Amino acid sequence: MFLGEYHRVIDNKGRIFIPSKFREDLIGGIIVSKGFDERCLFLFSKDGWKRLQDKILATPVTKKNTRKFSRWFFSSASEESMDQQGRAKVPQNLIEYAGLRKDIVLVGVSDRAEIWAKEKWDDYYKQADLEFTEDDDTFEKLEF
């Protein structure tokens, strides 16, 4: 399980230090792909990727949007591994997609981690914090 918020730097070779709390789940390999919100990236263990892949592939291939989404999503994915220092490479096309420069944030989101440009994460989190701490029915609208 991936939990927490970790501030890191991406080096000039496109490598990031994986938080030590994430490493055990990622020993078998890492899949990095485009994310869905604010151009973040998703980081999955191989098992987590397989579960997501199975869900996506369970949708009918006869639907045009399924085929379109599958092409977009799977073509962006890259299988990576950690080196002995706990670093993993992020492919250049994904660095550009997410607007990663130097300061990044890795965020644990239960079954995956997300990689955000620090500025984008700060903006996103401030907005979410306001939304979920206001005295309204935001939580009542959530479907668990």
Protein backbone atom coordinates (compact mmCIF):
# COMPACT_ATOMS: atom_id res chain seq x y z
CA MET A 1 0.00 0.00 0.00
CA PHE A 2 1.27 3.46 -0.88
CA LEU A 3 0.65 6.23 1.67
CA GLY A 4 2.15 9.63 2.41
CA GLU A 5 3.68 12.64 0.68
CA TYR A 6 7.38 12.74 -0.17
CA HIS A 7 9.27 15.72 -1.59
CA ARG A 8 12.07 14.77 -3.94
CA VAL A 9 14.23 16.11 -6.75
CA ILE A 10 14.42 14.62 -10.22
CA ASP A 11 18.02 14.51 -11.41
CA ASN A 12 19.33 15.47 -14.85
CA LYS A 13 19.13 11.80 -15.94
CA GLY A 14 15.42 11.65 -15.11
CA ARG A 15 15.86 9.56 -11.96
CA ILE A 16 13.92 9.90 -8.73
CA PHE A 17 14.57 8.45 -5.29
CA ILE A 18 11.72 6.14 -4.39
CA PRO A 19 10.63 6.55 -0.75
CA SER A 20 11.92 3.66 1.34
CA LYS A 21 8.35 2.85 2.43
CA PHE A 22 7.43 2.20 -1.24
CA ARG A 23 10.45 0.14 -2.22
CA GLU A 24 9.40 -3.28 -0.94
CA ASP A 25 6.27 -3.22 -3.09
CA LEU A 26 8.29 -2.13 -6.13
CA ILE A 27 11.16 -4.63 -6.00
CA GLY A 28 9.55 -6.74 -8.72
CA GLY A 29 9.38 -3.81 -11.11
CA ILE A 30 7.73 -0.48 -11.66
CA ILE A 31 5.29 0.72 -14.27
CA VAL A 32 5.14 4.50 -14.85
CA SER A 33 2.31 5.93 -16.94
CA LYS A 34 0.31 9.05 -17.58
CA GLY A 35 -2.04 9.94 -14.76
CA PHE A 36 -5.51 11.36 -15.05
CA ASP A 37 -5.46 14.54 -12.93
CA GLU A 38 -3.51 17.69 -13.68
CA ARG A 39 -0.98 15.76 -15.77
CA CYS A 40 0.49 13.81 -12.88
CA LEU A 41 2.10 10.40 -13.42
CA PHE A 42 1.03 7.06 -12.00
CA LEU A 43 3.56 4.68 -10.47
CA PHE A 44 2.42 1.07 -10.04
CA SER A 45 3.94 -2.13 -8.79
CA LYS A 46 3.69 -4.89 -11.39
CA ASP A 47 0.84 -6.48 -9.41
CA GLY A 48 -1.01 -3.17 -9.16
CA TRP A 49 -0.56 -2.59 -12.89
CA LYS A 50 -1.91 -6.06 -13.67
CA ARG A 51 -5.05 -5.39 -11.62
CA LEU A 52 -5.66 -2.09 -13.43
CA GLN A 53 -4.90 -3.65 -16.80
CA ASP A 54 -7.40 -6.43 -16.13
CA LYS A 55 -10.11 -3.86 -15.32
CA ILE A 56 -9.43 -1.88 -18.48
CA LEU A 57 -9.28 -4.98 -20.66
CA ALA A 58 -12.59 -6.17 -19.21
CA THR A 59 -14.35 -3.30 -20.98
CA PRO A 60 -15.69 -4.15 -24.44
CA VAL A 61 -13.14 -3.60 -27.19
CA THR A 62 -16.07 -2.91 -29.50
CA LYS A 63 -16.51 0.50 -27.86
CA LYS A 64 -14.56 3.21 -29.63
CA ASN A 65 -13.73 5.11 -26.42
CA THR A 66 -12.31 1.95 -24.87
CA ARG A 67 -9.96 1.47 -27.80
CA LYS A 68 -9.03 5.16 -27.83
CA PHE A 69 -8.34 5.25 -24.09
CA SER A 70 -6.36 2.00 -24.20
CA ARG A 71 -4.09 3.35 -26.94
CA TRP A 72 -3.54 6.62 -25.10
CA PHE A 73 -2.92 5.05 -21.71
CA PHE A 74 -0.94 1.90 -22.52
CA SER A 75 1.27 3.60 -25.11
CA SER A 76 2.49 6.00 -22.42
CA ALA A 77 3.41 3.26 -19.95
CA SER A 78 7.00 2.28 -19.32
CA GLU A 79 8.40 -0.62 -17.32
CA GLU A 80 11.27 0.51 -15.09
CA SER A 81 13.30 -0.86 -12.22
CA MET A 82 15.05 0.51 -9.15
CA ASP A 83 18.80 0.68 -8.93
CA GLN A 84 20.73 -0.23 -5.77
CA GLN A 85 20.33 3.31 -4.41
CA GLY A 86 16.52 3.12 -4.70
CA ARG A 87 16.28 5.33 -7.78
CA ALA A 88 14.00 4.76 -10.75
CA LYS A 89 14.10 6.41 -14.15
CA VAL A 90 11.17 8.36 -15.51
CA PRO A 91 11.08 8.37 -19.32
CA GLN A 92 11.57 11.75 -21.00
CA ASN A 93 8.14 11.72 -22.68
CA LEU A 94 6.49 11.33 -19.26
CA ILE A 95 8.71 14.01 -17.70
CA GLU A 96 7.49 16.38 -20.40
CA TYR A 97 3.84 15.29 -20.08
CA ALA A 98 3.84 15.96 -16.32
CA GLY A 99 5.91 19.14 -16.56
CA LEU A 100 8.52 17.78 -14.15
CA ARG A 101 11.46 20.06 -13.68
CA LYS A 102 13.45 19.75 -10.48
CA ASP A 103 11.19 19.65 -7.44
CA ILE A 104 8.64 16.84 -7.43
CA VAL A 105 6.27 15.22 -4.98
CA LEU A 106 5.52 11.50 -4.72
CA VAL A 107 2.10 10.88 -3.25
CA GLY A 108 0.85 7.54 -1.97
CA VAL A 109 -2.70 6.82 -3.15
CA SER A 110 -3.32 3.34 -1.72
CA ASP A 111 -2.86 1.06 -4.75
CA ARG A 112 -0.49 3.38 -6.61
CA ALA A 113 1.82 6.32 -6.12
CA GLU A 114 1.60 9.51 -8.12
CA ILE A 115 4.42 11.77 -9.26
CA TRP A 116 3.61 15.48 -9.42
CA ALA A 117 5.48 18.63 -10.31
CA LYS A 118 5.72 20.38 -6.93
CA GLU A 119 3.88 23.52 -8.09
CA LYS A 120 1.00 21.49 -9.56
CA TRP A 121 0.72 19.38 -6.40
CA ASP A 122 0.71 22.45 -4.16
CA ASP A 123 -2.09 24.04 -6.20
CA TYR A 124 -4.09 20.82 -6.40
CA TYR A 125 -3.74 20.07 -2.69
CA LYS A 126 -4.73 23.58 -1.61
CA GLN A 127 -7.90 23.34 -3.68
CA ALA A 128 -8.71 19.83 -2.41
CA ASP A 129 -8.01 20.90 1.17
CA LEU A 130 -10.49 23.75 0.85
CA GLU A 131 -13.07 21.48 -0.73
CA PHE A 132 -12.82 18.76 1.87
CA THR A 133 -12.53 20.96 4.96
CA GLU A 134 -15.41 23.30 4.22
CA ASP A 135 -18.59 22.70 6.18
CA ASP A 136 -20.69 21.27 3.38
CA ASP A 137 -21.84 17.96 2.00
CA THR A 138 -18.70 17.11 -0.02
CA PHE A 139 -18.17 13.85 1.87
CA GLU A 140 -21.81 12.91 1.48
CA LYS A 141 -21.35 13.05 -2.30
CA LEU A 142 -18.50 10.54 -2.23
CA GLU A 143 -19.41 7.00 -3.18
CA PHE A 144 -17.42 4.36 -1.34
